[in-house]
Amino acid sequence: EIFAATIFNGRLADIFSLGVCLFMVLTGKPPFFKPGPICKYFRFLKNHGIAPIVKHYAVGLSDDAIDLLTRMIHPDATQRFASVKDILDHKWFVTTDEKNDDDDNDDDDDDDDNAK
């Protein structure tokens, strides 16, 4: 949107950028090298979405992670999440947070056993 030199929504462009950063954190690779029609990877993203790119890298992301990335890096800005709250309320974050809480509780149980 920014490189198209047209009017765009800065918040939605930021969500796209945040999605690209999250993609790189989760996969260790960029989804494309230069945003715009010159880059074949960006054209692929625009035409097919992010899911096939994730599957190509074969990093084993959960369906929830792929859904989150899809809703952040959607080529159509009107189809993206509208806010950071939407992102944080996504099932991937909620599920991941619940797993961390369970892990913390497991550690607490171990500490209680050791204290006895």
N, C-alpha and C. Protein backbone atom coordinates (compact mmCIF):
# COMPACT_ATOMS: atom_id res chain seq x y z
N GLU A 1 0.81 -1.19 0.00
CA GLU A 1 0.00 0.00 0.00
C GLU A 1 0.86 1.26 0.00
N ILE A 2 1.87 1.25 0.83
CA ILE A 2 2.74 2.42 0.93
C ILE A 2 3.48 2.64 -0.38
N PHE A 3 4.03 1.57 -0.95
CA PHE A 3 4.80 1.68 -2.18
C PHE A 3 3.93 1.96 -3.40
N ALA A 4 2.62 1.73 -3.27
CA ALA A 4 1.71 2.00 -4.38
C ALA A 4 1.44 3.49 -4.53
N ALA A 5 1.90 4.28 -3.56
CA ALA A 5 1.74 5.74 -3.59
C ALA A 5 0.27 6.14 -3.69
N THR A 6 -0.57 5.42 -2.95
CA THR A 6 -1.99 5.76 -2.88
C THR A 6 -2.35 6.01 -1.41
N ILE A 7 -3.53 6.47 -1.18
CA ILE A 7 -3.99 6.68 0.19
C ILE A 7 -4.12 5.32 0.87
N PHE A 8 -3.62 5.22 2.11
CA PHE A 8 -3.68 3.96 2.83
C PHE A 8 -3.93 4.24 4.30
N ASN A 9 -4.33 3.22 5.01
CA ASN A 9 -4.58 3.30 6.45
C ASN A 9 -3.28 2.89 7.15
N GLY A 10 -2.66 3.82 7.85
CA GLY A 10 -1.38 3.56 8.50
C GLY A 10 -1.45 2.45 9.53
N ARG A 11 -2.54 2.37 10.29
CA ARG A 11 -2.67 1.33 11.30
C ARG A 11 -2.70 -0.05 10.65
N LEU A 12 -3.44 -0.19 9.55
CA LEU A 12 -3.51 -1.48 8.87
C LEU A 12 -2.19 -1.82 8.20
N ALA A 13 -1.47 -0.83 7.72
CA ALA A 13 -0.14 -1.06 7.16
C ALA A 13 0.82 -1.52 8.26
N ASP A 14 0.67 -0.94 9.46
CA ASP A 14 1.51 -1.35 10.60
C ASP A 14 1.21 -2.80 11.01
N ILE A 15 -0.05 -3.19 10.96
CA ILE A 15 -0.41 -4.57 11.28
C ILE A 15 0.22 -5.52 10.27
N PHE A 16 0.22 -5.14 9.01
CA PHE A 16 0.89 -5.94 7.98
C PHE A 16 2.37 -6.07 8.32
N SER A 17 3.03 -4.96 8.65
CA SER A 17 4.45 -4.98 9.00
C SER A 17 4.72 -5.84 10.23
N LEU A 18 3.86 -5.72 11.23
CA LEU A 18 4.00 -6.54 12.42
C LEU A 18 3.85 -8.02 12.08
N GLY A 19 2.94 -8.33 11.18
CA GLY A 19 2.77 -9.71 10.72
C GLY A 19 4.01 -10.23 10.02
N VAL A 20 4.65 -9.39 9.22
CA VAL A 20 5.88 -9.78 8.55
C VAL A 20 6.97 -10.07 9.59
N CYS A 21 7.06 -9.21 10.60
CA CYS A 21 8.04 -9.44 11.68
C CYS A 21 7.75 -10.75 12.41
N LEU A 22 6.48 -11.00 12.74
CA LEU A 22 6.11 -12.24 13.43
C LEU A 22 6.43 -13.44 12.54
N PHE A 23 6.16 -13.33 11.25
CA PHE A 23 6.49 -14.41 10.31
C PHE A 23 7.97 -14.73 10.39
N MET A 24 8.80 -13.71 10.40
CA MET A 24 10.25 -13.91 10.44
C MET A 24 10.70 -14.52 11.77
N VAL A 25 10.06 -14.12 12.85
CA VAL A 25 10.40 -14.69 14.16
C VAL A 25 10.04 -16.18 14.18
N LEU A 26 8.88 -16.53 13.64
CA LEU A 26 8.40 -17.91 13.71
C LEU A 26 9.06 -18.84 12.69
N THR A 27 9.48 -18.30 11.54
CA THR A 27 10.04 -19.15 10.49
C THR A 27 11.54 -18.99 10.31
N GLY A 28 12.06 -17.84 10.74
CA GLY A 28 13.48 -17.57 10.52
C GLY A 28 13.78 -17.06 9.12
N LYS A 29 12.73 -16.79 8.34
CA LYS A 29 12.91 -16.34 6.96
C LYS A 29 11.89 -15.24 6.64
N PRO A 30 12.21 -14.37 5.70
CA PRO A 30 11.22 -13.36 5.30
C PRO A 30 10.20 -13.96 4.34
N PRO A 31 8.96 -13.46 4.35
CA PRO A 31 7.97 -13.97 3.39
C PRO A 31 8.22 -13.46 1.97
N PHE A 32 8.93 -12.35 1.86
CA PHE A 32 9.31 -11.78 0.57
C PHE A 32 10.51 -10.88 0.82
N PHE A 33 11.16 -10.45 -0.25
CA PHE A 33 12.38 -9.68 -0.10
C PHE A 33 12.19 -8.19 -0.34
N LYS A 34 11.26 -7.82 -1.19
CA LYS A 34 10.98 -6.41 -1.42
C LYS A 34 9.49 -6.27 -1.74
N PRO A 35 8.78 -5.49 -0.92
CA PRO A 35 7.34 -5.37 -1.20
C PRO A 35 7.09 -4.63 -2.50
N GLY A 36 6.25 -5.19 -3.31
CA GLY A 36 5.90 -4.56 -4.56
C GLY A 36 5.85 -5.56 -5.69
N PRO A 37 5.31 -5.15 -6.82
CA PRO A 37 5.08 -6.07 -7.93
C PRO A 37 6.36 -6.61 -8.58
N ILE A 38 7.50 -5.98 -8.34
CA ILE A 38 8.75 -6.46 -8.92
C ILE A 38 9.18 -7.79 -8.30
N CYS A 39 8.90 -7.97 -7.02
CA CYS A 39 9.32 -9.16 -6.29
C CYS A 39 8.34 -10.31 -6.53
N LYS A 40 8.84 -11.43 -7.10
CA LYS A 40 7.95 -12.56 -7.40
C LYS A 40 7.35 -13.16 -6.14
N TYR A 41 8.06 -13.10 -5.02
CA TYR A 41 7.54 -13.64 -3.76
C TYR A 41 6.39 -12.78 -3.24
N PHE A 42 6.53 -11.47 -3.40
CA PHE A 42 5.44 -10.57 -2.98
C PHE A 42 4.22 -10.79 -3.87
N ARG A 43 4.44 -10.96 -5.17
CA ARG A 43 3.32 -11.25 -6.08
C ARG A 43 2.64 -12.56 -5.69
N PHE A 44 3.44 -13.57 -5.32
CA PHE A 44 2.87 -14.84 -4.90
C PHE A 44 2.01 -14.64 -3.65
N LEU A 45 2.53 -13.88 -2.68
CA LEU A 45 1.77 -13.58 -1.46
C LEU A 45 0.46 -12.90 -1.81
N LYS A 46 0.52 -11.93 -2.69
CA LYS A 46 -0.68 -11.19 -3.07
C LYS A 46 -1.72 -12.09 -3.73
N ASN A 47 -1.25 -13.04 -4.53
CA ASN A 47 -2.18 -13.90 -5.27
C ASN A 47 -2.64 -15.14 -4.50
N HIS A 48 -1.82 -15.62 -3.55
CA HIS A 48 -2.13 -16.89 -2.91
C HIS A 48 -2.21 -16.82 -1.38
N GLY A 49 -1.80 -15.73 -0.79
CA GLY A 49 -1.82 -15.61 0.67
C GLY A 49 -0.56 -16.18 1.30
N ILE A 50 -0.49 -16.12 2.61
CA ILE A 50 0.71 -16.49 3.34
C ILE A 50 0.81 -18.00 3.63
N ALA A 51 -0.32 -18.70 3.72
CA ALA A 51 -0.32 -20.11 4.11
C ALA A 51 0.58 -20.98 3.23
N PRO A 52 0.52 -20.87 1.89
CA PRO A 52 1.41 -21.72 1.08
C PRO A 52 2.90 -21.41 1.30
N ILE A 53 3.20 -20.17 1.63
CA ILE A 53 4.60 -19.80 1.88
C ILE A 53 5.06 -20.47 3.17
N VAL A 54 4.23 -20.45 4.22
CA VAL A 54 4.57 -21.11 5.48
C VAL A 54 4.77 -22.60 5.24
N LYS A 55 3.86 -23.21 4.49
CA LYS A 55 3.97 -24.65 4.23
C LYS A 55 5.23 -24.96 3.42
N HIS A 56 5.60 -24.07 2.50
CA HIS A 56 6.81 -24.27 1.70
C HIS A 56 8.06 -24.31 2.59
N TYR A 57 8.09 -23.45 3.60
CA TYR A 57 9.25 -23.42 4.50
C TYR A 57 9.26 -24.63 5.44
N ALA A 58 8.15 -25.34 5.56
CA ALA A 58 8.05 -26.56 6.35
C ALA A 58 8.62 -26.40 7.77
N VAL A 59 8.14 -25.36 8.46
CA VAL A 59 8.62 -25.11 9.82
C VAL A 59 7.68 -25.66 10.88
N GLY A 60 6.57 -26.25 10.47
CA GLY A 60 5.68 -26.89 11.42
C GLY A 60 4.88 -25.95 12.29
N LEU A 61 4.43 -24.84 11.74
CA LEU A 61 3.59 -23.93 12.53
C LEU A 61 2.20 -24.51 12.70
N SER A 62 1.58 -24.21 13.82
CA SER A 62 0.22 -24.68 14.07
C SER A 62 -0.76 -23.97 13.13
N ASP A 63 -1.93 -24.57 12.98
CA ASP A 63 -2.98 -23.95 12.17
C ASP A 63 -3.36 -22.59 12.74
N ASP A 64 -3.34 -22.46 14.08
CA ASP A 64 -3.66 -21.18 14.71
C ASP A 64 -2.62 -20.12 14.34
N ALA A 65 -1.34 -20.49 14.32
CA ALA A 65 -0.29 -19.54 13.96
C ALA A 65 -0.45 -19.11 12.50
N ILE A 66 -0.76 -20.06 11.63
CA ILE A 66 -0.95 -19.73 10.21
C ILE A 66 -2.16 -18.82 10.04
N ASP A 67 -3.23 -19.08 10.78
CA ASP A 67 -4.41 -18.22 10.71
C ASP A 67 -4.08 -16.81 11.18
N LEU A 68 -3.34 -16.70 12.27
CA LEU A 68 -2.94 -15.39 12.77
C LEU A 68 -2.14 -14.63 11.71
N LEU A 69 -1.14 -15.28 11.13
CA LEU A 69 -0.32 -14.64 10.10
C LEU A 69 -1.17 -14.25 8.90
N THR A 70 -2.09 -15.12 8.52
CA THR A 70 -2.97 -14.84 7.37
C THR A 70 -3.79 -13.58 7.62
N ARG A 71 -4.26 -13.41 8.85
CA ARG A 71 -5.11 -12.27 9.16
C ARG A 71 -4.30 -11.00 9.42
N MET A 72 -3.00 -11.12 9.55
CA MET A 72 -2.14 -9.95 9.70
C MET A 72 -1.49 -9.54 8.37
N ILE A 73 -1.13 -10.52 7.54
CA ILE A 73 -0.40 -10.25 6.30
C ILE A 73 -1.31 -10.40 5.09
N HIS A 74 -2.58 -10.17 5.28
CA HIS A 74 -3.51 -10.29 4.16
C HIS A 74 -3.24 -9.17 3.15
N PRO A 75 -3.14 -9.50 1.86
CA PRO A 75 -2.87 -8.46 0.87
C PRO A 75 -3.95 -7.39 0.79
N ASP A 76 -5.18 -7.77 1.11
CA ASP A 76 -6.30 -6.82 1.11
C ASP A 76 -6.42 -6.23 2.52
N ALA A 77 -6.11 -4.97 2.66
CA ALA A 77 -6.10 -4.32 3.97
C ALA A 77 -7.44 -4.43 4.68
N THR A 78 -8.54 -4.48 3.94
CA THR A 78 -9.86 -4.57 4.57
C THR A 78 -10.10 -5.94 5.20
N GLN A 79 -9.27 -6.92 4.86
CA GLN A 79 -9.41 -8.27 5.41
C GLN A 79 -8.47 -8.53 6.59
N ARG A 80 -7.63 -7.56 6.93
CA ARG A 80 -6.68 -7.70 8.03
C ARG A 80 -7.34 -7.41 9.36
N PHE A 81 -6.67 -7.84 10.43
CA PHE A 81 -7.09 -7.41 11.75
C PHE A 81 -7.08 -5.88 11.79
N ALA A 82 -7.99 -5.31 12.56
CA ALA A 82 -8.11 -3.86 12.62
C ALA A 82 -7.31 -3.24 13.76
N SER A 83 -6.87 -4.07 14.72
CA SER A 83 -6.18 -3.49 15.88
C SER A 83 -5.26 -4.53 16.53
N VAL A 84 -4.39 -4.05 17.39
CA VAL A 84 -3.52 -4.93 18.16
C VAL A 84 -4.38 -5.78 19.11
N LYS A 85 -5.47 -5.23 19.61
CA LYS A 85 -6.37 -6.00 20.47
C LYS A 85 -6.89 -7.24 19.73
N ASP A 86 -7.25 -7.07 18.46
CA ASP A 86 -7.69 -8.22 17.66
C ASP A 86 -6.60 -9.29 17.60
N ILE A 87 -5.37 -8.85 17.44
CA ILE A 87 -4.24 -9.79 17.37
C ILE A 87 -4.07 -10.51 18.70
N LEU A 88 -4.06 -9.77 19.78
CA LEU A 88 -3.85 -10.37 21.10
C LEU A 88 -5.00 -11.26 21.54
N ASP A 89 -6.19 -11.01 21.00
CA ASP A 89 -7.35 -11.85 21.32
C ASP A 89 -7.42 -13.10 20.44
N HIS A 90 -6.52 -13.20 19.47
CA HIS A 90 -6.53 -14.35 18.57
C HIS A 90 -6.24 -15.64 19.34
N LYS A 91 -6.81 -16.71 18.87
CA LYS A 91 -6.69 -18.03 19.51
C LYS A 91 -5.23 -18.45 19.73
N TRP A 92 -4.33 -18.11 18.82
CA TRP A 92 -2.93 -18.50 18.96
C TRP A 92 -2.31 -17.91 20.22
N PHE A 93 -2.58 -16.63 20.47
CA PHE A 93 -2.06 -16.00 21.69
C PHE A 93 -2.73 -16.56 22.93
N VAL A 94 -4.03 -16.74 22.88
CA VAL A 94 -4.76 -17.25 24.04
C VAL A 94 -4.30 -18.66 24.35
N THR A 95 -4.18 -19.51 23.34
CA THR A 95 -3.74 -20.89 23.53
C THR A 95 -2.31 -20.93 24.05
N THR A 96 -1.43 -20.13 23.47
CA THR A 96 -0.04 -20.10 23.90
C THR A 96 0.06 -19.62 25.33
N ASP A 97 -0.72 -18.61 25.69
CA ASP A 97 -0.70 -18.08 27.05
C ASP A 97 -1.21 -19.13 28.04
N GLU A 98 -2.27 -19.85 27.67
CA GLU A 98 -2.79 -20.90 28.55
C GLU A 98 -1.76 -22.00 28.76
N LYS A 99 -1.03 -22.37 27.70
CA LYS A 99 0.01 -23.39 27.83
C LYS A 99 1.11 -22.91 28.78
N ASN A 100 1.48 -21.64 28.66
CA ASN A 100 2.50 -21.11 29.57
C ASN A 100 2.01 -21.10 31.01
N ASP A 101 0.74 -20.79 31.22
CA ASP A 101 0.17 -20.83 32.58
C ASP A 101 0.22 -22.25 33.13
N ASP A 102 -0.12 -23.23 32.28
CA ASP A 102 -0.07 -24.63 32.71
C ASP A 102 1.36 -25.03 33.07
N ASP A 103 2.32 -24.61 32.26
CA ASP A 103 3.72 -24.92 32.55
C ASP A 103 4.15 -24.29 33.86
N ASP A 104 3.71 -23.06 34.10
CA ASP A 104 4.05 -22.39 35.36
C ASP A 104 3.46 -23.14 36.55
N ASN A 105 2.22 -23.62 36.39
CA ASN A 105 1.58 -24.37 37.48
C ASN A 105 2.30 -25.69 37.74
N ASP A 106 2.78 -26.33 36.67
CA ASP A 106 3.52 -27.58 36.83
C ASP A 106 4.79 -27.33 37.62
N ASP A 107 5.47 -26.22 37.35
CA ASP A 107 6.69 -25.89 38.07
C ASP A 107 6.40 -25.66 39.55
N ASP A 108 5.26 -25.01 39.82
CA ASP A 108 4.90 -24.74 41.21
C ASP A 108 4.68 -26.04 41.97
N ASP A 109 4.05 -27.02 41.31
CA ASP A 109 3.82 -28.31 41.96
C ASP A 109 5.14 -28.99 42.30
N ASP A 110 6.11 -28.91 41.40
CA ASP A 110 7.42 -29.51 41.63
C ASP A 110 8.10 -28.84 42.81
N ASP A 111 7.98 -27.52 42.92
CA ASP A 111 8.60 -26.81 44.02
C ASP A 111 7.99 -27.23 45.35
N ASP A 112 6.66 -27.44 45.37
CA ASP A 112 5.99 -27.87 46.60
C ASP A 112 6.48 -29.25 47.04
N ASP A 113 6.66 -30.15 46.07
CA ASP A 113 7.14 -31.48 46.41
C ASP A 113 8.54 -31.45 46.96
N ASN A 114 9.38 -30.59 46.39
CA ASN A 114 10.76 -30.48 46.85
C ASN A 114 10.86 -29.85 48.23
N ALA A 115 9.87 -29.02 48.56
CA ALA A 115 9.92 -28.31 49.85
C ALA A 115 9.56 -29.24 51.00
N LYS A 116 8.87 -30.32 50.73
CA LYS A 116 8.38 -31.21 51.79
C LYS A 116 9.44 -32.09 52.35
